[in-house]
Amino acid sequence: MKTDMSDPSESTVLLPAAGSGKRLKILTYPEKILLNPTEPLANIDGQVQQMIGSMAEAMYAAPGVGLAANQVGWGKSLLIYDLGAREGERDLRVLINPKILESEGQIVSENEGCLSIPDYRADVKRAERILIEGVDREGNPVRLEAEDFHAVVLQHEMDHLSGKLFIDRISSLKRELYKRRVRKAMREQEDEV
């Protein structure tokens, strides 16, 4: 999905029909919506709940442990994650309009990857511990402390909500090499058409 759905309650929502067998498409670099900050989500309604379900389906199918709304073409400040997804145990978490209040320490997220940056991994410096606040899928206030892998996942997804990709946190040389590879692949794809 390449269209920015500014608010599902305001316009036609480009969600797959229930039971259609179609999933939300996870957008990849260089899609512009990935590079733009998201807007706060003001109204949590039934269509937002449907979007959360569709995002979860896409994340689990990918497979991934986190997904931000703009990765599926929706420019709202919402992310989902599931730290148990790697072990086959599901515990979906939703954060709406999250903000990092505090961060401390530093760890290297080794071999970090992203569903929107396919076939590329790199070591990324992240805060070791963070304190976040936002709201859950029912609109209840959430304040949580996260550390280590949990903190890395949340920082990664919150970067998406700020219009940043994990490649923005690596050396400029490595980032440029990746971008060249993407441009070359896009040219080759155009030549095939």
N, C-alpha and C. Protein backbone atom coordinates (compact mmCIF):
# COMPACT_ATOMS: atom_id res chain seq x y z
N MET A 1 0.85 -1.16 0.00
CA MET A 1 0.00 0.00 0.00
C MET A 1 0.89 1.23 0.00
N LYS A 2 0.72 2.09 -0.97
CA LYS A 2 1.59 3.25 -1.09
C LYS A 2 0.88 4.55 -0.76
N THR A 3 -0.39 4.47 -0.43
CA THR A 3 -1.16 5.67 -0.13
C THR A 3 -1.10 5.97 1.35
N ASP A 4 -0.92 7.24 1.71
CA ASP A 4 -0.93 7.65 3.10
C ASP A 4 -2.37 7.73 3.56
N MET A 5 -2.75 6.88 4.50
CA MET A 5 -4.09 6.92 5.05
C MET A 5 -4.03 7.85 6.25
N SER A 6 -4.37 9.10 6.07
CA SER A 6 -4.18 10.09 7.12
C SER A 6 -4.95 9.76 8.39
N ASP A 7 -6.14 9.28 8.29
CA ASP A 7 -6.89 8.85 9.46
C ASP A 7 -7.97 7.90 8.97
N PRO A 8 -8.00 6.67 9.44
CA PRO A 8 -8.95 5.72 8.90
C PRO A 8 -10.40 6.14 9.10
N SER A 9 -10.68 6.96 10.08
CA SER A 9 -12.06 7.37 10.29
C SER A 9 -12.47 8.52 9.38
N GLU A 10 -11.49 9.16 8.71
CA GLU A 10 -11.79 10.30 7.86
C GLU A 10 -11.98 9.93 6.39
N SER A 11 -11.40 8.83 5.97
CA SER A 11 -11.43 8.52 4.55
C SER A 11 -11.52 7.02 4.35
N THR A 12 -11.55 6.62 3.12
CA THR A 12 -11.57 5.21 2.80
C THR A 12 -10.31 4.55 3.32
N VAL A 13 -10.47 3.52 4.08
CA VAL A 13 -9.33 2.79 4.62
C VAL A 13 -8.95 1.71 3.63
N LEU A 14 -7.69 1.67 3.30
CA LEU A 14 -7.22 0.70 2.33
C LEU A 14 -6.79 -0.59 3.02
N LEU A 15 -7.72 -1.17 3.78
CA LEU A 15 -7.46 -2.43 4.46
C LEU A 15 -7.94 -3.58 3.59
N PRO A 16 -7.25 -4.71 3.65
CA PRO A 16 -7.76 -5.87 2.93
C PRO A 16 -9.10 -6.30 3.52
N ALA A 17 -9.99 -6.77 2.68
CA ALA A 17 -11.28 -7.24 3.17
C ALA A 17 -11.06 -8.47 4.04
N ALA A 18 -11.83 -8.56 5.12
CA ALA A 18 -11.70 -9.70 6.03
C ALA A 18 -11.91 -10.99 5.24
N GLY A 19 -11.02 -11.93 5.45
CA GLY A 19 -11.12 -13.21 4.78
C GLY A 19 -10.70 -13.19 3.32
N SER A 20 -10.16 -12.08 2.86
CA SER A 20 -9.78 -11.98 1.44
C SER A 20 -8.49 -12.71 1.14
N GLY A 21 -7.74 -13.05 2.20
CA GLY A 21 -6.45 -13.71 1.98
C GLY A 21 -5.35 -12.73 1.64
N LYS A 22 -5.68 -11.44 1.55
CA LYS A 22 -4.68 -10.41 1.24
C LYS A 22 -4.19 -9.78 2.52
N ARG A 23 -2.91 -9.44 2.53
CA ARG A 23 -2.32 -8.79 3.69
C ARG A 23 -1.89 -7.38 3.33
N LEU A 24 -1.73 -6.56 4.37
CA LEU A 24 -1.12 -5.25 4.17
C LEU A 24 0.28 -5.47 3.62
N LYS A 25 0.67 -4.60 2.72
CA LYS A 25 2.03 -4.67 2.17
C LYS A 25 2.96 -3.85 3.06
N ILE A 26 4.09 -4.46 3.42
CA ILE A 26 5.10 -3.74 4.18
C ILE A 26 5.97 -2.99 3.18
N LEU A 27 5.98 -1.69 3.30
CA LEU A 27 6.72 -0.84 2.36
C LEU A 27 8.22 -0.93 2.63
N THR A 28 8.99 -0.75 1.58
CA THR A 28 10.44 -0.80 1.71
C THR A 28 11.07 0.50 1.21
N TYR A 29 12.27 0.74 1.72
CA TYR A 29 13.05 1.90 1.29
C TYR A 29 13.19 1.83 -0.22
N PRO A 30 12.97 2.92 -0.97
CA PRO A 30 12.94 4.32 -0.60
C PRO A 30 11.54 4.95 -0.55
N GLU A 31 10.50 4.20 -0.20
CA GLU A 31 9.16 4.78 -0.10
C GLU A 31 9.20 6.03 0.77
N LYS A 32 8.63 7.11 0.28
CA LYS A 32 8.71 8.41 0.95
C LYS A 32 8.05 8.42 2.33
N ILE A 33 6.95 7.70 2.51
CA ILE A 33 6.26 7.74 3.80
C ILE A 33 7.15 7.22 4.93
N LEU A 34 8.11 6.38 4.60
CA LEU A 34 9.04 5.87 5.61
C LEU A 34 9.98 6.95 6.12
N LEU A 35 10.15 8.00 5.34
CA LEU A 35 11.11 9.04 5.66
C LEU A 35 10.46 10.27 6.30
N ASN A 36 9.16 10.22 6.53
CA ASN A 36 8.42 11.34 7.10
C ASN A 36 7.92 11.01 8.50
N PRO A 37 7.98 11.97 9.43
CA PRO A 37 7.42 11.74 10.76
C PRO A 37 5.91 11.50 10.67
N THR A 38 5.41 10.68 11.57
CA THR A 38 3.98 10.39 11.61
C THR A 38 3.24 11.46 12.40
N GLU A 39 1.93 11.46 12.25
CA GLU A 39 1.05 12.38 12.97
C GLU A 39 0.45 11.66 14.16
N PRO A 40 0.17 12.38 15.26
CA PRO A 40 -0.49 11.75 16.41
C PRO A 40 -1.85 11.18 16.00
N LEU A 41 -2.21 10.07 16.61
CA LEU A 41 -3.51 9.45 16.38
C LEU A 41 -4.46 9.97 17.45
N ALA A 42 -5.54 10.62 17.02
CA ALA A 42 -6.45 11.27 17.96
C ALA A 42 -7.62 10.38 18.36
N ASN A 43 -8.11 9.56 17.46
CA ASN A 43 -9.33 8.81 17.70
C ASN A 43 -9.08 7.32 17.53
N ILE A 44 -9.28 6.56 18.59
CA ILE A 44 -9.11 5.10 18.52
C ILE A 44 -10.49 4.49 18.36
N ASP A 45 -10.80 4.09 17.12
CA ASP A 45 -12.12 3.54 16.83
C ASP A 45 -11.99 2.13 16.25
N GLY A 46 -13.10 1.61 15.77
CA GLY A 46 -13.13 0.25 15.23
C GLY A 46 -12.20 0.06 14.05
N GLN A 47 -12.07 1.07 13.21
CA GLN A 47 -11.17 0.94 12.06
C GLN A 47 -9.72 0.92 12.50
N VAL A 48 -9.39 1.63 13.57
CA VAL A 48 -8.03 1.57 14.11
C VAL A 48 -7.78 0.16 14.65
N GLN A 49 -8.77 -0.42 15.33
CA GLN A 49 -8.62 -1.79 15.82
C GLN A 49 -8.42 -2.77 14.67
N GLN A 50 -9.14 -2.55 13.58
CA GLN A 50 -8.98 -3.40 12.39
C GLN A 50 -7.58 -3.23 11.81
N MET A 51 -7.09 -1.99 11.78
CA MET A 51 -5.75 -1.74 11.28
C MET A 51 -4.71 -2.45 12.15
N ILE A 52 -4.89 -2.41 13.46
CA ILE A 52 -3.96 -3.09 14.36
C ILE A 52 -3.94 -4.58 14.04
N GLY A 53 -5.10 -5.17 13.84
CA GLY A 53 -5.18 -6.59 13.49
C GLY A 53 -4.50 -6.89 12.17
N SER A 54 -4.71 -6.04 11.19
CA SER A 54 -4.09 -6.24 9.87
C SER A 54 -2.58 -6.06 9.94
N MET A 55 -2.13 -5.08 10.74
CA MET A 55 -0.70 -4.89 10.92
C MET A 55 -0.07 -6.11 11.60
N ALA A 56 -0.76 -6.65 12.61
CA ALA A 56 -0.24 -7.83 13.31
C ALA A 56 -0.11 -9.01 12.35
N GLU A 57 -1.12 -9.20 11.52
CA GLU A 57 -1.08 -10.29 10.55
C GLU A 57 0.12 -10.13 9.61
N ALA A 58 0.36 -8.92 9.14
CA ALA A 58 1.51 -8.67 8.24
C ALA A 58 2.83 -8.88 8.98
N MET A 59 2.91 -8.41 10.23
CA MET A 59 4.16 -8.55 10.99
C MET A 59 4.48 -10.02 11.24
N TYR A 60 3.49 -10.79 11.68
CA TYR A 60 3.73 -12.20 11.96
C TYR A 60 4.08 -12.97 10.69
N ALA A 61 3.46 -12.62 9.58
CA ALA A 61 3.72 -13.32 8.32
C ALA A 61 5.10 -13.01 7.77
N ALA A 62 5.65 -11.85 8.09
CA ALA A 62 6.90 -11.38 7.47
C ALA A 62 8.11 -12.29 7.68
N PRO A 63 8.48 -12.85 8.76
CA PRO A 63 8.08 -12.62 10.14
C PRO A 63 8.92 -11.52 10.77
N GLY A 64 8.31 -10.79 11.70
CA GLY A 64 9.00 -9.72 12.40
C GLY A 64 8.57 -9.66 13.84
N VAL A 65 9.22 -8.80 14.62
CA VAL A 65 8.86 -8.62 16.02
C VAL A 65 8.28 -7.24 16.28
N GLY A 66 8.28 -6.36 15.29
CA GLY A 66 7.73 -5.03 15.45
C GLY A 66 7.35 -4.43 14.11
N LEU A 67 6.40 -3.50 14.15
CA LEU A 67 5.96 -2.84 12.92
C LEU A 67 5.35 -1.49 13.28
N ALA A 68 5.75 -0.46 12.58
CA ALA A 68 5.19 0.88 12.75
C ALA A 68 4.17 1.14 11.65
N ALA A 69 3.16 1.95 11.96
CA ALA A 69 2.07 2.19 11.02
C ALA A 69 2.54 2.72 9.66
N ASN A 70 3.56 3.58 9.66
CA ASN A 70 4.00 4.11 8.37
C ASN A 70 4.67 3.05 7.51
N GLN A 71 5.06 1.92 8.08
CA GLN A 71 5.63 0.85 7.28
C GLN A 71 4.58 0.16 6.40
N VAL A 72 3.30 0.39 6.71
CA VAL A 72 2.23 -0.14 5.87
C VAL A 72 1.46 1.00 5.20
N GLY A 73 2.06 2.19 5.17
CA GLY A 73 1.49 3.30 4.43
C GLY A 73 0.52 4.17 5.20
N TRP A 74 0.49 4.05 6.51
CA TRP A 74 -0.43 4.84 7.33
C TRP A 74 0.38 5.77 8.20
N GLY A 75 0.30 7.05 7.98
CA GLY A 75 1.15 8.04 8.62
C GLY A 75 0.73 8.45 10.01
N LYS A 76 0.32 7.50 10.83
CA LYS A 76 -0.10 7.78 12.21
C LYS A 76 0.90 7.19 13.20
N SER A 77 0.94 7.77 14.39
CA SER A 77 1.89 7.38 15.43
C SER A 77 1.36 6.17 16.21
N LEU A 78 1.55 5.01 15.63
CA LEU A 78 1.12 3.76 16.22
C LEU A 78 2.14 2.69 15.87
N LEU A 79 2.49 1.88 16.86
CA LEU A 79 3.40 0.76 16.60
C LEU A 79 2.89 -0.46 17.32
N ILE A 80 3.25 -1.61 16.78
CA ILE A 80 2.94 -2.88 17.42
C ILE A 80 4.24 -3.65 17.57
N TYR A 81 4.29 -4.54 18.55
CA TYR A 81 5.46 -5.40 18.69
C TYR A 81 5.08 -6.63 19.50
N ASP A 82 5.89 -7.66 19.37
CA ASP A 82 5.67 -8.91 20.09
C ASP A 82 7.02 -9.56 20.31
N LEU A 83 7.52 -9.47 21.54
CA LEU A 83 8.83 -10.01 21.86
C LEU A 83 8.83 -11.53 21.88
N GLY A 84 7.68 -12.15 22.02
CA GLY A 84 7.59 -13.61 22.03
C GLY A 84 7.44 -14.21 20.65
N ALA A 85 7.30 -13.39 19.63
CA ALA A 85 7.05 -13.88 18.28
C ALA A 85 8.15 -14.81 17.79
N ARG A 86 9.38 -14.55 18.20
CA ARG A 86 10.50 -15.39 17.76
C ARG A 86 10.37 -16.82 18.27
N GLU A 87 9.80 -16.99 19.46
CA GLU A 87 9.66 -18.31 20.06
C GLU A 87 8.31 -18.95 19.75
N GLY A 88 7.50 -18.30 18.96
CA GLY A 88 6.20 -18.84 18.59
C GLY A 88 5.10 -18.56 19.61
N GLU A 89 5.41 -17.78 20.64
CA GLU A 89 4.41 -17.41 21.63
C GLU A 89 3.99 -15.97 21.34
N ARG A 90 2.70 -15.77 21.16
CA ARG A 90 2.23 -14.43 20.79
C ARG A 90 1.77 -13.63 22.01
N ASP A 91 2.26 -12.40 22.05
CA ASP A 91 1.88 -11.44 23.09
C ASP A 91 1.94 -10.06 22.46
N LEU A 92 0.97 -9.77 21.61
CA LEU A 92 0.96 -8.52 20.85
C LEU A 92 0.79 -7.33 21.77
N ARG A 93 1.66 -6.33 21.59
CA ARG A 93 1.58 -5.07 22.34
C ARG A 93 1.37 -3.95 21.34
N VAL A 94 0.61 -2.96 21.77
CA VAL A 94 0.30 -1.81 20.93
C VAL A 94 0.65 -0.54 21.70
N LEU A 95 1.35 0.37 21.05
CA LEU A 95 1.64 1.68 21.63
C LEU A 95 1.19 2.75 20.65
N ILE A 96 0.38 3.66 21.12
CA ILE A 96 -0.12 4.75 20.31
C ILE A 96 0.45 6.05 20.87
N ASN A 97 0.93 6.89 19.97
CA ASN A 97 1.54 8.18 20.32
C ASN A 97 2.64 8.03 21.38
N PRO A 98 3.56 7.07 21.20
CA PRO A 98 4.59 6.86 22.23
C PRO A 98 5.65 7.96 22.21
N LYS A 99 6.20 8.20 23.40
CA LYS A 99 7.29 9.16 23.56
C LYS A 99 8.30 8.58 24.53
N ILE A 100 9.58 8.75 24.21
CA ILE A 100 10.63 8.34 25.13
C ILE A 100 10.84 9.48 26.11
N LEU A 101 10.68 9.18 27.40
CA LEU A 101 10.84 10.19 28.45
C LEU A 101 12.28 10.22 28.97
N GLU A 102 12.89 9.04 29.07
CA GLU A 102 14.25 8.94 29.57
C GLU A 102 14.97 7.81 28.86
N SER A 103 16.27 7.96 28.72
CA SER A 103 17.09 6.86 28.20
C SER A 103 18.42 6.90 28.91
N GLU A 104 19.02 5.73 29.08
CA GLU A 104 20.33 5.68 29.72
C GLU A 104 21.09 4.46 29.23
N GLY A 105 22.40 4.56 29.38
CA GLY A 105 23.27 3.47 28.97
C GLY A 105 23.39 3.37 27.46
N GLN A 106 24.21 2.47 27.03
CA GLN A 106 24.38 2.26 25.59
C GLN A 106 24.71 0.80 25.34
N ILE A 107 24.04 0.23 24.36
CA ILE A 107 24.35 -1.12 23.92
C ILE A 107 24.44 -1.10 22.40
N VAL A 108 25.04 -2.13 21.88
CA VAL A 108 25.08 -2.29 20.42
C VAL A 108 24.08 -3.37 20.07
N SER A 109 23.11 -2.98 19.27
CA SER A 109 22.14 -3.94 18.75
C SER A 109 22.84 -4.65 17.59
N GLU A 110 23.30 -5.85 17.85
CA GLU A 110 24.08 -6.57 16.84
C GLU A 110 23.18 -7.15 15.76
N ASN A 111 23.59 -6.96 14.54
CA ASN A 111 22.91 -7.57 13.40
C ASN A 111 21.44 -7.14 13.32
N GLU A 112 21.17 -5.86 13.60
CA GLU A 112 19.80 -5.34 13.56
C GLU A 112 19.30 -5.34 12.13
N GLY A 113 18.04 -5.70 11.97
CA GLY A 113 17.43 -5.71 10.64
C GLY A 113 16.09 -5.01 10.69
N CYS A 114 15.46 -4.90 9.53
CA CYS A 114 14.20 -4.18 9.43
C CYS A 114 13.39 -4.74 8.27
N LEU A 115 12.08 -4.88 8.47
CA LEU A 115 11.21 -5.37 7.41
C LEU A 115 11.18 -4.41 6.22
N SER A 116 11.46 -3.12 6.46
CA SER A 116 11.45 -2.13 5.37
C SER A 116 12.83 -1.96 4.72
N ILE A 117 13.83 -2.65 5.25
CA ILE A 117 15.18 -2.63 4.68
C ILE A 117 15.56 -4.10 4.46
N PRO A 118 14.97 -4.74 3.46
CA PRO A 118 15.20 -6.18 3.30
C PRO A 118 16.66 -6.51 2.96
N ASP A 119 17.05 -7.67 3.41
CA ASP A 119 18.37 -8.23 3.06
C ASP A 119 19.54 -7.35 3.49
N TYR A 120 19.38 -6.65 4.61
CA TYR A 120 20.50 -5.85 5.10
C TYR A 120 20.44 -5.84 6.63
N ARG A 121 21.59 -6.04 7.24
CA ARG A 121 21.70 -6.02 8.69
C ARG A 121 22.95 -5.25 9.07
N ALA A 122 22.91 -4.62 10.24
CA ALA A 122 24.07 -3.86 10.71
C ALA A 122 24.01 -3.73 12.23
N ASP A 123 25.16 -3.44 12.82
CA ASP A 123 25.22 -3.15 14.25
C ASP A 123 24.82 -1.69 14.45
N VAL A 124 23.96 -1.45 15.43
CA VAL A 124 23.42 -0.11 15.68
C VAL A 124 23.55 0.21 17.17
N LYS A 125 24.02 1.40 17.49
CA LYS A 125 24.09 1.83 18.89
C LYS A 125 22.72 2.30 19.34
N ARG A 126 22.30 1.79 20.48
CA ARG A 126 20.99 2.13 21.05
C ARG A 126 21.16 2.38 22.55
N ALA A 127 20.17 3.03 23.14
CA ALA A 127 20.14 3.17 24.60
C ALA A 127 19.85 1.81 25.21
N GLU A 128 20.47 1.55 26.34
CA GLU A 128 20.28 0.25 27.00
C GLU A 128 18.94 0.17 27.72
N ARG A 129 18.51 1.29 28.30
CA ARG A 129 17.24 1.34 29.03
C ARG A 129 16.48 2.60 28.62
N ILE A 130 15.16 2.46 28.51
CA ILE A 130 14.33 3.61 28.17
C ILE A 130 13.06 3.60 29.02
N LEU A 131 12.50 4.77 29.19
CA LEU A 131 11.20 4.94 29.83
C LEU A 131 10.30 5.57 28.78
N ILE A 132 9.17 4.94 28.53
CA ILE A 132 8.25 5.38 27.46
C ILE A 132 6.87 5.62 28.05
N GLU A 133 6.17 6.57 27.44
CA GLU A 133 4.76 6.70 27.75
C GLU A 133 3.98 6.87 26.46
N GLY A 134 2.73 6.45 26.49
CA GLY A 134 1.82 6.53 25.35
C GLY A 134 0.48 6.01 25.81
N VAL A 135 -0.30 5.47 24.88
CA VAL A 135 -1.57 4.83 25.24
C VAL A 135 -1.64 3.48 24.54
N ASP A 136 -2.46 2.56 25.12
CA ASP A 136 -2.63 1.25 24.52
C ASP A 136 -3.78 1.28 23.52
N ARG A 137 -4.14 0.13 23.00
CA ARG A 137 -5.17 0.08 21.94
C ARG A 137 -6.57 0.46 22.44
N GLU A 138 -6.78 0.47 23.76
CA GLU A 138 -8.06 0.91 24.31
C GLU A 138 -8.03 2.38 24.73
N GLY A 139 -6.88 3.04 24.58
CA GLY A 139 -6.76 4.44 24.95
C GLY A 139 -6.31 4.65 26.38
N ASN A 140 -5.93 3.56 27.06
CA ASN A 140 -5.46 3.66 28.44
C ASN A 140 -4.01 4.13 28.47
N PRO A 141 -3.66 5.02 29.41
CA PRO A 141 -2.28 5.47 29.50
C PRO A 141 -1.33 4.31 29.81
N VAL A 142 -0.18 4.33 29.17
CA VAL A 142 0.85 3.31 29.37
C VAL A 142 2.15 4.04 29.69
N ARG A 143 2.83 3.56 30.69
CA ARG A 143 4.17 4.05 31.03
C ARG A 143 4.98 2.80 31.32
N LEU A 144 6.04 2.58 30.56
CA LEU A 144 6.80 1.36 30.75
C LEU A 144 8.29 1.59 30.64
N GLU A 145 9.00 0.78 31.39
CA GLU A 145 10.46 0.77 31.33
C GLU A 145 10.85 -0.45 30.51
N ALA A 146 11.81 -0.27 29.64
CA ALA A 146 12.28 -1.38 28.82
C ALA A 146 13.80 -1.35 28.81
N GLU A 147 14.37 -2.54 28.74
CA GLU A 147 15.83 -2.62 28.66
C GLU A 147 16.23 -3.72 27.70
N ASP A 148 17.49 -3.64 27.29
CA ASP A 148 18.09 -4.62 26.39
C ASP A 148 17.26 -4.79 25.11
N PHE A 149 16.91 -6.04 24.74
CA PHE A 149 16.22 -6.29 23.48
C PHE A 149 14.88 -5.54 23.40
N HIS A 150 14.14 -5.52 24.50
CA HIS A 150 12.87 -4.80 24.55
C HIS A 150 13.07 -3.33 24.20
N ALA A 151 14.10 -2.72 24.79
CA ALA A 151 14.40 -1.31 24.52
C ALA A 151 14.82 -1.11 23.06
N VAL A 152 15.59 -2.04 22.52
CA VAL A 152 16.04 -1.94 21.12
C VAL A 152 14.83 -1.97 20.18
N VAL A 153 13.92 -2.92 20.40
CA VAL A 153 12.73 -3.03 19.54
C VAL A 153 11.92 -1.74 19.58
N LEU A 154 11.68 -1.22 20.77
CA LEU A 154 10.88 0.00 20.88
C LEU A 154 11.58 1.20 20.24
N GLN A 155 12.88 1.32 20.43
CA GLN A 155 13.61 2.43 19.81
C GLN A 155 13.58 2.33 18.29
N HIS A 156 13.73 1.10 17.78
CA HIS A 156 13.69 0.88 16.34
C HIS A 156 12.34 1.32 15.76
N GLU A 157 11.25 0.86 16.38
CA GLU A 157 9.92 1.21 15.87
C GLU A 157 9.61 2.69 16.06
N MET A 158 10.07 3.27 17.17
CA MET A 158 9.84 4.70 17.37
C MET A 158 10.65 5.54 16.39
N ASP A 159 11.81 5.05 15.98
CA ASP A 159 12.55 5.72 14.91
C ASP A 159 11.68 5.81 13.66
N HIS A 160 11.00 4.71 13.32
CA HIS A 160 10.10 4.73 12.16
C HIS A 160 9.08 5.85 12.29
N LEU A 161 8.48 5.97 13.48
CA LEU A 161 7.46 7.00 13.69
C LEU A 161 8.02 8.40 13.54
N SER A 162 9.34 8.53 13.72
CA SER A 162 10.02 9.83 13.54
C SER A 162 10.54 10.03 12.13
N GLY A 163 10.29 9.06 11.25
CA GLY A 163 10.76 9.16 9.87
C GLY A 163 12.22 8.75 9.71
N LYS A 164 12.73 7.96 10.65
CA LYS A 164 14.11 7.49 10.57
C LYS A 164 14.14 5.99 10.36
N LEU A 165 15.16 5.55 9.66
CA LEU A 165 15.40 4.12 9.45
C LEU A 165 16.66 3.74 10.20
N PHE A 166 16.83 2.46 10.48
CA PHE A 166 18.03 2.07 11.22
C PHE A 166 19.29 2.36 10.43
N ILE A 167 19.20 2.44 9.12
CA ILE A 167 20.39 2.78 8.33
C ILE A 167 20.82 4.24 8.55
N ASP A 168 19.92 5.05 9.11
CA ASP A 168 20.29 6.43 9.45
C ASP A 168 21.21 6.46 10.67
N ARG A 169 21.33 5.34 11.36
CA ARG A 169 22.15 5.26 12.57
C ARG A 169 23.47 4.52 12.34
N ILE A 170 23.78 4.20 11.09
CA ILE A 170 25.05 3.53 10.79
C ILE A 170 25.97 4.53 10.09
N SER A 171 27.19 4.12 9.81
CA SER A 171 28.14 5.05 9.19
C SER A 171 27.62 5.50 7.82
N SER A 172 28.02 6.70 7.43
CA SER A 172 27.57 7.24 6.15
C SER A 172 28.07 6.38 4.99
N LEU A 173 29.24 5.78 5.12
CA LEU A 173 29.76 4.91 4.06
C LEU A 173 28.88 3.68 3.89
N LYS A 174 28.57 3.00 4.98
CA LYS A 174 27.71 1.81 4.90
C LYS A 174 26.32 2.18 4.38
N ARG A 175 25.81 3.31 4.84
CA ARG A 175 24.49 3.76 4.40
C ARG A 175 24.49 4.03 2.89
N GLU A 176 25.52 4.71 2.40
CA GLU A 176 25.60 5.02 0.97
C GLU A 176 25.75 3.75 0.13
N LEU A 177 26.52 2.79 0.62
CA LEU A 177 26.66 1.52 -0.10
C LEU A 177 25.31 0.82 -0.21
N TYR A 178 24.53 0.84 0.86
CA TYR A 178 23.21 0.23 0.82
C TYR A 178 22.31 0.96 -0.18
N LYS A 179 22.31 2.28 -0.14
CA LYS A 179 21.46 3.06 -1.04
C LYS A 179 21.84 2.82 -2.50
N ARG A 180 23.12 2.70 -2.78
CA ARG A 180 23.56 2.40 -4.15
C ARG A 180 23.04 1.04 -4.60
N ARG A 181 23.11 0.07 -3.69
CA ARG A 181 22.61 -1.26 -4.02
C ARG A 181 21.12 -1.22 -4.35
N VAL A 182 20.35 -0.44 -3.59
CA VAL A 182 18.92 -0.31 -3.84
C VAL A 182 18.67 0.37 -5.19
N ARG A 183 19.40 1.45 -5.46
CA ARG A 183 19.23 2.15 -6.75
C ARG A 183 19.56 1.23 -7.92
N LYS A 184 20.61 0.45 -7.78
CA LYS A 184 21.00 -0.48 -8.84
C LYS A 184 19.91 -1.53 -9.06
N ALA A 185 19.37 -2.07 -7.99
CA ALA A 185 18.30 -3.07 -8.10
C ALA A 185 17.06 -2.47 -8.76
N MET A 186 16.75 -1.21 -8.42
CA MET A 186 15.58 -0.55 -9.02
C MET A 186 15.79 -0.33 -10.51
N ARG A 187 17.03 0.06 -10.90
CA ARG A 187 17.32 0.23 -12.33
C ARG A 187 17.18 -1.09 -13.07
N GLU A 188 17.71 -2.15 -12.49
CA GLU A 188 17.62 -3.47 -13.12
C GLU A 188 16.18 -3.92 -13.26
N GLN A 189 15.37 -3.61 -12.25
CA GLN A 189 13.96 -3.96 -12.30
C GLN A 189 13.25 -3.18 -13.41
N GLU A 190 13.58 -1.89 -13.56
CA GLU A 190 12.98 -1.08 -14.63
C GLU A 190 13.38 -1.59 -15.99
N ASP A 191 14.63 -2.03 -16.14
CA ASP A 191 15.12 -2.56 -17.41
C ASP A 191 14.39 -3.84 -17.81
N GLU A 192 13.97 -4.63 -16.82
CA GLU A 192 13.25 -5.86 -17.11
C GLU A 192 11.84 -5.61 -17.63
N VAL A 193 11.28 -4.47 -17.26
CA VAL A 193 9.90 -4.14 -17.65
C VAL A 193 9.86 -3.60 -19.01
